Amino acid sequence: MQTARRRRRSLALGTGASSGIGLELARQFADTKVGASDKDDPADVARDGFEALMAGEERVISHSLKTKLQGRASRLLPDSAKAAMHRDMADPGSGRR
């Protein structure tokens, strides 16, 4: 007799920047390339995430072409290259350069 196995999944939820840890992170990243760059529309990101969750997808890359290209590239680049890119994007003051 076969029994049904429930698959365990992890779920990460990003907080908004209106209060709490999200607000503090927004303040800390405000003068970085990450903080100063254009962002995907939050409604689009939320919709993409919800639809992926409901479809049982393990990963979703939302919404703009730029975000999708960055997500695809992250699968191909070695960790050392990703770390160097992140360091450049998160460097305080980099948003003004």
PDB file of N, CA and C in Angstrom:
ATOM      1  N   MET A   1       0.835  -1.180   0.000  1.00  0.00           N
ATOM      2  CA  MET A   1       0.000   0.000   0.000  1.00  0.00           C
ATOM      3  C   MET A   1       0.884   1.249   0.000  1.00  0.00           C
ATOM      4  N   GLN A   2       0.618   2.152  -0.921  1.00  0.00           N
ATOM      5  CA  GLN A   2       1.390   3.379  -1.016  1.00  0.00           C
ATOM      6  C   GLN A   2       0.739   4.482  -0.196  1.00  0.00           C
ATOM      7  N   THR A   3       1.558   5.233   0.464  1.00  0.00           N
ATOM      8  CA  THR A   3       1.028   6.382   1.202  1.00  0.00           C
ATOM      9  C   THR A   3       1.483   7.663   0.517  1.00  0.00           C
ATOM     10  N   ALA A   4       0.669   8.663   0.606  1.00  0.00           N
ATOM     11  CA  ALA A   4       1.014   9.957   0.007  1.00  0.00           C
ATOM     12  C   ALA A   4       2.077  10.637   0.849  1.00  0.00           C
ATOM     13  N   ARG A   5       3.071  11.160   0.185  1.00  0.00           N
ATOM     14  CA  ARG A   5       4.126  11.909   0.874  1.00  0.00           C
ATOM     15  C   ARG A   5       3.908  13.393   0.638  1.00  0.00           C
ATOM     16  N   ARG A   6       3.977  14.133   1.680  1.00  0.00           N
ATOM     17  CA  ARG A   6       3.867  15.589   1.546  1.00  0.00           C
ATOM     18  C   ARG A   6       5.257  16.155   1.327  1.00  0.00           C
ATOM     19  N   ARG A   7       5.365  16.961   0.354  1.00  0.00           N
ATOM     20  CA  ARG A   7       6.642  17.583   0.050  1.00  0.00           C
ATOM     21  C   ARG A   7       6.796  18.848   0.873  1.00  0.00           C
ATOM     22  N   ARG A   8       7.925  18.989   1.547  1.00  0.00           N
ATOM     23  CA  ARG A   8       8.179  20.191   2.338  1.00  0.00           C
ATOM     24  C   ARG A   8       8.809  21.246   1.452  1.00  0.00           C
ATOM     25  N   ARG A   9       8.363  22.466   1.631  1.00  0.00           N
ATOM     26  CA  ARG A   9       8.919  23.579   0.870  1.00  0.00           C
ATOM     27  C   ARG A   9       9.207  24.726   1.804  1.00  0.00           C
ATOM     28  N   SER A  10      10.223  25.474   1.447  1.00  0.00           N
ATOM     29  CA  SER A  10      10.529  26.698   2.177  1.00  0.00           C
ATOM     30  C   SER A  10       9.886  27.854   1.448  1.00  0.00           C
ATOM     31  N   LEU A  11       9.559  28.867   2.172  1.00  0.00           N
ATOM     32  CA  LEU A  11       8.954  30.050   1.591  1.00  0.00           C
ATOM     33  C   LEU A  11       9.652  31.265   2.170  1.00  0.00           C
ATOM     34  N   ALA A  12      10.118  32.145   1.297  1.00  0.00           N
ATOM     35  CA  ALA A  12      10.732  33.398   1.737  1.00  0.00           C
ATOM     36  C   ALA A  12       9.793  34.531   1.375  1.00  0.00           C
ATOM     37  N   LEU A  13       9.594  35.417   2.294  1.00  0.00           N
ATOM     38  CA  LEU A  13       8.714  36.553   2.070  1.00  0.00           C
ATOM     39  C   LEU A  13       9.505  37.825   2.297  1.00  0.00           C
ATOM     40  N   GLY A  14       9.580  38.645   1.264  1.00  0.00           N
ATOM     41  CA  GLY A  14      10.274  39.920   1.400  1.00  0.00           C
ATOM     42  C   GLY A  14       9.352  40.956   2.001  1.00  0.00           C
ATOM     43  N   THR A  15       9.843  41.692   2.964  1.00  0.00           N
ATOM     44  CA  THR A  15       9.014  42.712   3.598  1.00  0.00           C
ATOM     45  C   THR A  15       9.049  44.003   2.794  1.00  0.00           C
ATOM     46  N   GLY A  16       8.062  44.824   3.003  1.00  0.00           N
ATOM     47  CA  GLY A  16       8.031  46.130   2.360  1.00  0.00           C
ATOM     48  C   GLY A  16       8.908  47.118   3.095  1.00  0.00           C
ATOM     49  N   ALA A  17       9.081  48.280   2.511  1.00  0.00           N
ATOM     50  CA  ALA A  17       9.973  49.285   3.088  1.00  0.00           C
ATOM     51  C   ALA A  17       9.225  50.337   3.892  1.00  0.00           C
ATOM     52  N   SER A  18       8.008  50.037   4.326  1.00  0.00           N
ATOM     53  CA  SER A  18       7.232  51.052   5.040  1.00  0.00           C
ATOM     54  C   SER A  18       7.456  51.032   6.547  1.00  0.00           C
ATOM     55  N   SER A  19       7.938  49.907   7.086  1.00  0.00           N
ATOM     56  CA  SER A  19       8.180  49.837   8.529  1.00  0.00           C
ATOM     57  C   SER A  19       9.105  48.662   8.837  1.00  0.00           C
ATOM     58  N   GLY A  20       9.536  48.614  10.065  1.00  0.00           N
ATOM     59  CA  GLY A  20      10.311  47.476  10.546  1.00  0.00           C
ATOM     60  C   GLY A  20      11.626  47.267   9.828  1.00  0.00           C
ATOM     61  N   ILE A  21      11.988  45.992   9.656  1.00  0.00           N
ATOM     62  CA  ILE A  21      13.278  45.653   9.058  1.00  0.00           C
ATOM     63  C   ILE A  21      13.356  46.114   7.604  1.00  0.00           C
ATOM     64  N   GLY A  22      12.233  46.089   6.892  1.00  0.00           N
ATOM     65  CA  GLY A  22      12.226  46.562   5.509  1.00  0.00           C
ATOM     66  C   GLY A  22      12.579  48.036   5.410  1.00  0.00           C
ATOM     67  N   LEU A  23      12.052  48.846   6.317  1.00  0.00           N
ATOM     68  CA  LEU A  23      12.360  50.270   6.338  1.00  0.00           C
ATOM     69  C   LEU A  23      13.829  50.493   6.652  1.00  0.00           C
ATOM     70  N   GLU A  24      14.356  49.774   7.622  1.00  0.00           N
ATOM     71  CA  GLU A  24      15.765  49.937   7.988  1.00  0.00           C
ATOM     72  C   GLU A  24      16.673  49.531   6.828  1.00  0.00           C
ATOM     73  N   LEU A  25      16.355  48.440   6.157  1.00  0.00           N
ATOM     74  CA  LEU A  25      17.154  48.030   5.000  1.00  0.00           C
ATOM     75  C   LEU A  25      17.075  49.069   3.884  1.00  0.00           C
ATOM     76  N   ALA A  26      15.898  49.632   3.655  1.00  0.00           N
ATOM     77  CA  ALA A  26      15.752  50.672   2.637  1.00  0.00           C
ATOM     78  C   ALA A  26      16.623  51.874   2.966  1.00  0.00           C
ATOM     79  N   ARG A  27      16.676  52.254   4.226  1.00  0.00           N
ATOM     80  CA  ARG A  27      17.522  53.385   4.637  1.00  0.00           C
ATOM     81  C   ARG A  27      18.998  53.080   4.397  1.00  0.00           C
ATOM     82  N   GLN A  28      19.410  51.856   4.736  1.00  0.00           N
ATOM     83  CA  GLN A  28      20.817  51.492   4.599  1.00  0.00           C
ATOM     84  C   GLN A  28      21.253  51.375   3.138  1.00  0.00           C
ATOM     85  N   PHE A  29      20.336  50.991   2.266  1.00  0.00           N
ATOM     86  CA  PHE A  29      20.679  50.804   0.857  1.00  0.00           C
ATOM     87  C   PHE A  29      20.348  52.013  -0.016  1.00  0.00           C
ATOM     88  N   ALA A  30      19.851  53.089   0.566  1.00  0.00           N
ATOM     89  CA  ALA A  30      19.378  54.226  -0.217  1.00  0.00           C
ATOM     90  C   ALA A  30      20.451  54.830  -1.105  1.00  0.00           C
ATOM     91  N   ASP A  31      21.698  54.863  -0.667  1.00  0.00           N
ATOM     92  CA  ASP A  31      22.744  55.490  -1.472  1.00  0.00           C
ATOM     93  C   ASP A  31      23.622  54.462  -2.200  1.00  0.00           C
ATOM     94  N   THR A  32      23.078  53.287  -2.436  1.00  0.00           N
ATOM     95  CA  THR A  32      23.793  52.255  -3.194  1.00  0.00           C
ATOM     96  C   THR A  32      23.161  52.102  -4.574  1.00  0.00           C
ATOM     97  N   LYS A  33      23.869  51.426  -5.492  1.00  0.00           N
ATOM     98  CA  LYS A  33      23.283  51.151  -6.809  1.00  0.00           C
ATOM     99  C   LYS A  33      22.007  50.328  -6.663  1.00  0.00           C
ATOM    100  N   VAL A  34      21.997  49.407  -5.705  1.00  0.00           N
ATOM    101  CA  VAL A  34      20.799  48.597  -5.476  1.00  0.00           C
ATOM    102  C   VAL A  34      19.631  49.502  -5.082  1.00  0.00           C
ATOM    103  N   GLY A  35      19.869  50.412  -4.158  1.00  0.00           N
ATOM    104  CA  GLY A  35      18.800  51.281  -3.675  1.00  0.00           C
ATOM    105  C   GLY A  35      18.372  52.335  -4.675  1.00  0.00           C
ATOM    106  N   ALA A  36      19.313  52.816  -5.486  1.00  0.00           N
ATOM    107  CA  ALA A  36      19.025  53.907  -6.411  1.00  0.00           C
ATOM    108  C   ALA A  36      18.495  53.435  -7.754  1.00  0.00           C
ATOM    109  N   SER A  37      18.597  52.153  -8.042  1.00  0.00           N
ATOM    110  CA  SER A  37      18.190  51.653  -9.358  1.00  0.00           C
ATOM    111  C   SER A  37      16.669  51.545  -9.473  1.00  0.00           C
ATOM    112  N   ASP A  38      16.198  51.496 -10.722  1.00  0.00           N
ATOM    113  CA  ASP A  38      14.766  51.313 -10.974  1.00  0.00           C
ATOM    114  C   ASP A  38      14.323  49.964 -10.425  1.00  0.00           C
ATOM    115  N   LYS A  39      13.106  49.921  -9.943  1.00  0.00           N
ATOM    116  CA  LYS A  39      12.550  48.693  -9.357  1.00  0.00           C
ATOM    117  C   LYS A  39      11.357  48.220 -10.177  1.00  0.00           C
ATOM    118  N   ASP A  40      11.122  46.921 -10.127  1.00  0.00           N
ATOM    119  CA  ASP A  40       9.907  46.377 -10.722  1.00  0.00           C
ATOM    120  C   ASP A  40       8.714  46.866  -9.920  1.00  0.00           C
ATOM    121  N   ASP A  41       7.576  46.966 -10.569  1.00  0.00           N
ATOM    122  CA  ASP A  41       6.348  47.382  -9.903  1.00  0.00           C
ATOM    123  C   ASP A  41       6.006  46.359  -8.817  1.00  0.00           C
ATOM    124  N   PRO A  42       5.816  46.801  -7.567  1.00  0.00           N
ATOM    125  CA  PRO A  42       5.516  45.857  -6.485  1.00  0.00           C
ATOM    126  C   PRO A  42       4.288  44.990  -6.743  1.00  0.00           C
ATOM    127  N   ALA A  43       3.282  45.536  -7.414  1.00  0.00           N
ATOM    128  CA  ALA A  43       2.081  44.739  -7.706  1.00  0.00           C
ATOM    129  C   ALA A  43       2.412  43.600  -8.671  1.00  0.00           C
ATOM    130  N   ASP A  44       3.275  43.865  -9.655  1.00  0.00           N
ATOM    131  CA  ASP A  44       3.685  42.820 -10.592  1.00  0.00           C
ATOM    132  C   ASP A  44       4.477  41.732  -9.879  1.00  0.00           C
ATOM    133  N   VAL A  45       5.388  42.153  -9.010  1.00  0.00           N
ATOM    134  CA  VAL A  45       6.212  41.194  -8.267  1.00  0.00           C
ATOM    135  C   VAL A  45       5.334  40.328  -7.363  1.00  0.00           C
ATOM    136  N   ALA A  46       4.393  40.962  -6.665  1.00  0.00           N
ATOM    137  CA  ALA A  46       3.500  40.216  -5.781  1.00  0.00           C
ATOM    138  C   ALA A  46       2.652  39.221  -6.569  1.00  0.00           C
ATOM    139  N   ARG A  47       2.128  39.656  -7.707  1.00  0.00           N
ATOM    140  CA  ARG A  47       1.314  38.762  -8.534  1.00  0.00           C
ATOM    141  C   ARG A  47       2.146  37.576  -9.035  1.00  0.00           C
ATOM    142  N   ASP A  48       3.352  37.853  -9.532  1.00  0.00           N
ATOM    143  CA  ASP A  48       4.213  36.772 -10.025  1.00  0.00           C
ATOM    144  C   ASP A  48       4.534  35.778  -8.910  1.00  0.00           C
ATOM    145  N   GLY A  49       4.849  36.290  -7.722  1.00  0.00           N
ATOM    146  CA  GLY A  49       5.162  35.415  -6.598  1.00  0.00           C
ATOM    147  C   GLY A  49       3.978  34.577  -6.163  1.00  0.00           C
ATOM    148  N   PHE A  50       2.812  35.198  -6.091  1.00  0.00           N
ATOM    149  CA  PHE A  50       1.610  34.473  -5.685  1.00  0.00           C
ATOM    150  C   PHE A  50       1.260  33.388  -6.701  1.00  0.00           C
ATOM    151  N   GLU A  51       1.297  33.732  -7.973  1.00  0.00           N
ATOM    152  CA  GLU A  51       0.979  32.750  -9.009  1.00  0.00           C
ATOM    153  C   GLU A  51       1.952  31.578  -8.987  1.00  0.00           C
ATOM    154  N   ALA A  52       3.237  31.861  -8.770  1.00  0.00           N
ATOM    155  CA  ALA A  52       4.231  30.790  -8.697  1.00  0.00           C
ATOM    156  C   ALA A  52       3.981  29.905  -7.479  1.00  0.00           C
ATOM    157  N   LEU A  53       3.649  30.520  -6.360  1.00  0.00           N
ATOM    158  CA  LEU A  53       3.367  29.760  -5.149  1.00  0.00           C
ATOM    159  C   LEU A  53       2.168  28.842  -5.355  1.00  0.00           C
ATOM    160  N   MET A  54       1.110  29.375  -5.934  1.00  0.00           N
ATOM    161  CA  MET A  54      -0.094  28.585  -6.160  1.00  0.00           C
ATOM    162  C   MET A  54       0.137  27.467  -7.180  1.00  0.00           C
ATOM    163  N   ALA A  55       1.078  27.680  -8.100  1.00  0.00           N
ATOM    164  CA  ALA A  55       1.387  26.671  -9.116  1.00  0.00           C
ATOM    165  C   ALA A  55       2.402  25.646  -8.612  1.00  0.00           C
ATOM    166  N   GLY A  56       2.906  25.856  -7.396  1.00  0.00           N
ATOM    167  CA  GLY A  56       3.870  24.913  -6.839  1.00  0.00           C
ATOM    168  C   GLY A  56       5.274  25.072  -7.380  1.00  0.00           C
ATOM    169  N   GLU A  57       5.552  26.193  -8.014  1.00  0.00           N
ATOM    170  CA  GLU A  57       6.887  26.433  -8.550  1.00  0.00           C
ATOM    171  C   GLU A  57       7.859  26.690  -7.409  1.00  0.00           C
ATOM    172  N   GLU A  58       9.075  26.208  -7.582  1.00  0.00           N
ATOM    173  CA  GLU A  58      10.084  26.375  -6.535  1.00  0.00           C
ATOM    174  C   GLU A  58      10.816  27.696  -6.642  1.00  0.00           C
ATOM    175  N   ARG A  59      10.753  28.314  -7.804  1.00  0.00           N
ATOM    176  CA  ARG A  59      11.510  29.541  -8.005  1.00  0.00           C
ATOM    177  C   ARG A  59      10.787  30.381  -9.047  1.00  0.00           C
ATOM    178  N   VAL A  60      10.783  31.679  -8.843  1.00  0.00           N
ATOM    179  CA  VAL A  60      10.220  32.586  -9.838  1.00  0.00           C
ATOM    180  C   VAL A  60      11.115  33.811  -9.897  1.00  0.00           C
ATOM    181  N   ILE A  61      11.316  34.291 -11.095  1.00  0.00           N
ATOM    182  CA  ILE A  61      12.063  35.533 -11.293  1.00  0.00           C
ATOM    183  C   ILE A  61      11.079  36.519 -11.889  1.00  0.00           C
ATOM    184  N   SER A  62      10.860  37.587 -11.179  1.00  0.00           N
ATOM    185  CA  SER A  62       9.851  38.555 -11.564  1.00  0.00           C
ATOM    186  C   SER A  62      10.533  39.760 -12.180  1.00  0.00           C
ATOM    187  N   HIS A  63       9.982  40.498 -12.827  1.00  0.00           N
ATOM    188  CA  HIS A  63       8.945  40.729 -13.783  1.00  0.00           C
ATOM    189  C   HIS A  63       9.571  41.354 -15.018  1.00  0.00           C
ATOM    190  N   SER A  64      10.494  42.295 -14.820  1.00  0.00           N
ATOM    191  CA  SER A  64      11.083  43.003 -15.954  1.00  0.00           C
ATOM    192  C   SER A  64      12.126  42.141 -16.666  1.00  0.00           C
ATOM    193  N   LEU A  65      12.432  42.531 -17.881  1.00  0.00           N
ATOM    194  CA  LEU A  65      13.460  41.832 -18.653  1.00  0.00           C
ATOM    195  C   LEU A  65      14.809  41.910 -17.926  1.00  0.00           C
ATOM    196  N   LYS A  66      15.119  43.080 -17.372  1.00  0.00           N
ATOM    197  CA  LYS A  66      16.388  43.245 -16.644  1.00  0.00           C
ATOM    198  C   LYS A  66      16.480  42.250 -15.482  1.00  0.00           C
ATOM    199  N   THR A  67      15.418  42.137 -14.709  1.00  0.00           N
ATOM    200  CA  THR A  67      15.413  41.212 -13.576  1.00  0.00           C
ATOM    201  C   THR A  67      15.554  39.773 -14.051  1.00  0.00           C
ATOM    202  N   LYS A  68      14.837  39.428 -15.116  1.00  0.00           N
ATOM    203  CA  LYS A  68      14.927  38.069 -15.649  1.00  0.00           C
ATOM    204  C   LYS A  68      16.336  37.756 -16.150  1.00  0.00           C
ATOM    205  N   LEU A  69      16.974  38.713 -16.828  1.00  0.00           N
ATOM    206  CA  LEU A  69      18.343  38.494 -17.304  1.00  0.00           C
ATOM    207  C   LEU A  69      19.316  38.328 -16.138  1.00  0.00           C
ATOM    208  N   GLN A  70      19.154  39.140 -15.097  1.00  0.00           N
ATOM    209  CA  GLN A  70      20.012  39.001 -13.922  1.00  0.00           C
ATOM    210  C   GLN A  70      19.821  37.643 -13.271  1.00  0.00           C
ATOM    211  N   GLY A  71      18.588  37.186 -13.190  1.00  0.00           N
ATOM    212  CA  GLY A  71      18.308  35.880 -12.603  1.00  0.00           C
ATOM    213  C   GLY A  71      18.926  34.752 -13.394  1.00  0.00           C
ATOM    214  N   ARG A  72      18.819  34.827 -14.708  1.00  0.00           N
ATOM    215  CA  ARG A  72      19.411  33.782 -15.562  1.00  0.00           C
ATOM    216  C   ARG A  72      20.931  33.803 -15.448  1.00  0.00           C
ATOM    217  N   ALA A  73      21.509  35.013 -15.471  1.00  0.00           N
ATOM    218  CA  ALA A  73      22.968  35.125 -15.383  1.00  0.00           C
ATOM    219  C   ALA A  73      23.478  34.570 -14.056  1.00  0.00           C
ATOM    220  N   SER A  74      22.706  34.732 -12.991  1.00  0.00           N
ATOM    221  CA  SER A  74      23.160  34.261 -11.680  1.00  0.00           C
ATOM    222  C   SER A  74      23.322  32.748 -11.643  1.00  0.00           C
ATOM    223  N   ARG A  75      22.606  32.052 -12.520  1.00  0.00           N
ATOM    224  CA  ARG A  75      22.740  30.596 -12.579  1.00  0.00           C
ATOM    225  C   ARG A  75      24.017  30.181 -13.299  1.00  0.00           C
ATOM    226  N   LEU A  76      24.543  31.063 -14.152  1.00  0.00           N
ATOM    227  CA  LEU A  76      25.702  30.723 -14.973  1.00  0.00           C
ATOM    228  C   LEU A  76      27.027  31.216 -14.407  1.00  0.00           C
ATOM    229  N   LEU A  77      26.988  32.331 -13.694  1.00  0.00           N
ATOM    230  CA  LEU A  77      28.221  32.942 -13.194  1.00  0.00           C
ATOM    231  C   LEU A  77      28.772  32.202 -11.983  1.00  0.00           C
ATOM    232  N   PRO A  78      30.099  32.149 -11.861  1.00  0.00           N
ATOM    233  CA  PRO A  78      30.672  31.569 -10.647  1.00  0.00           C
ATOM    234  C   PRO A  78      30.381  32.462  -9.435  1.00  0.00           C
ATOM    235  N   ASP A  79      30.389  31.878  -8.261  1.00  0.00           N
ATOM    236  CA  ASP A  79      30.090  32.627  -7.041  1.00  0.00           C
ATOM    237  C   ASP A  79      31.006  33.832  -6.870  1.00  0.00           C
ATOM    238  N   SER A  80      32.271  33.706  -7.242  1.00  0.00           N
ATOM    239  CA  SER A  80      33.211  34.823  -7.083  1.00  0.00           C
ATOM    240  C   SER A  80      32.787  36.020  -7.933  1.00  0.00           C
ATOM    241  N   ALA A  81      32.284  35.778  -9.143  1.00  0.00           N
ATOM    242  CA  ALA A  81      31.826  36.874 -10.001  1.00  0.00           C
ATOM    243  C   ALA A  81      30.561  37.510  -9.434  1.00  0.00           C
ATOM    244  N   LYS A  82      29.640  36.679  -8.936  1.00  0.00           N
ATOM    245  CA  LYS A  82      28.411  37.220  -8.331  1.00  0.00           C
ATOM    246  C   LYS A  82      28.740  38.050  -7.097  1.00  0.00           C
ATOM    247  N   ALA A  83      29.706  37.595  -6.304  1.00  0.00           N
ATOM    248  CA  ALA A  83      30.090  38.336  -5.102  1.00  0.00           C
ATOM    249  C   ALA A  83      30.689  39.690  -5.466  1.00  0.00           C
ATOM    250  N   ALA A  84      31.509  39.730  -6.499  1.00  0.00           N
ATOM    251  CA  ALA A  84      32.119  40.992  -6.924  1.00  0.00           C
ATOM    252  C   ALA A  84      31.054  41.963  -7.437  1.00  0.00           C
ATOM    253  N   MET A  85      30.093  41.460  -8.212  1.00  0.00           N
ATOM    254  CA  MET A  85      29.017  42.311  -8.704  1.00  0.00           C
ATOM    255  C   MET A  85      28.165  42.841  -7.551  1.00  0.00           C
ATOM    256  N   HIS A  86      27.860  41.973  -6.603  1.00  0.00           N
ATOM    257  CA  HIS A  86      27.051  42.399  -5.460  1.00  0.00           C
ATOM    258  C   HIS A  86      27.805  43.447  -4.636  1.00  0.00           C
ATOM    259  N   ARG A  87      29.091  43.231  -4.434  1.00  0.00           N
ATOM    260  CA  ARG A  87      29.891  44.184  -3.665  1.00  0.00           C
ATOM    261  C   ARG A  87      29.831  45.558  -4.322  1.00  0.00           C
ATOM    262  N   ASP A  88      29.950  45.600  -5.650  1.00  0.00           N
ATOM    263  CA  ASP A  88      29.895  46.871  -6.367  1.00  0.00           C
ATOM    264  C   ASP A  88      28.514  47.517  -6.231  1.00  0.00           C
ATOM    265  N   MET A  89      27.455  46.730  -6.327  1.00  0.00           N
ATOM    266  CA  MET A  89      26.093  47.267  -6.271  1.00  0.00           C
ATOM    267  C   MET A  89      25.687  47.702  -4.871  1.00  0.00           C
ATOM    268  N   ALA A  90      26.256  47.080  -3.849  1.00  0.00           N
ATOM    269  CA  ALA A  90      25.863  47.378  -2.468  1.00  0.00           C
ATOM    270  C   ALA A  90      26.845  48.305  -1.763  1.00  0.00           C
ATOM    271  N   ASP A  91      27.848  48.772  -2.471  1.00  0.00           N
ATOM    272  CA  ASP A  91      28.855  49.644  -1.869  1.00  0.00           C
ATOM    273  C   ASP A  91      28.231  50.997  -1.513  1.00  0.00           C
ATOM    274  N   PRO A  92      28.329  51.412  -0.244  1.00  0.00           N
ATOM    275  CA  PRO A  92      27.756  52.714   0.133  1.00  0.00           C
ATOM    276  C   PRO A  92      28.321  53.828  -0.755  1.00  0.00           C
ATOM    277  N   GLY A  93      27.441  54.674  -1.241  1.00  0.00           N
ATOM    278  CA  GLY A  93      27.830  55.771  -2.117  1.00  0.00           C
ATOM    279  C   GLY A  93      27.800  55.412  -3.599  1.00  0.00           C
ATOM    280  N   SER A  94      27.659  54.152  -3.928  1.00  0.00           N
ATOM    281  CA  SER A  94      27.689  53.731  -5.332  1.00  0.00           C
ATOM    282  C   SER A  94      26.481  54.228  -6.112  1.00  0.00           C
ATOM    283  N   GLY A  95      25.407  54.577  -5.433  1.00  0.00           N
ATOM    284  CA  GLY A  95      24.222  55.101  -6.115  1.00  0.00           C
ATOM    285  C   GLY A  95      24.407  56.489  -6.660  1.00  0.00           C
ATOM    286  N   ARG A  96      25.441  57.182  -6.195  1.00  0.00           N
ATOM    287  CA  ARG A  96      25.708  58.535  -6.676  1.00  0.00           C
ATOM    288  C   ARG A  96      26.745  58.556  -7.790  1.00  0.00           C
ATOM    289  N   ARG A  97      27.323  57.412  -8.102  1.00  0.00           N
ATOM    290  CA  ARG A  97      28.380  57.364  -9.129  1.00  0.00           C
ATOM    291  C   ARG A  97      27.820  57.184 -10.497  1.00  0.00           C
TER     292      ARG A  97
END
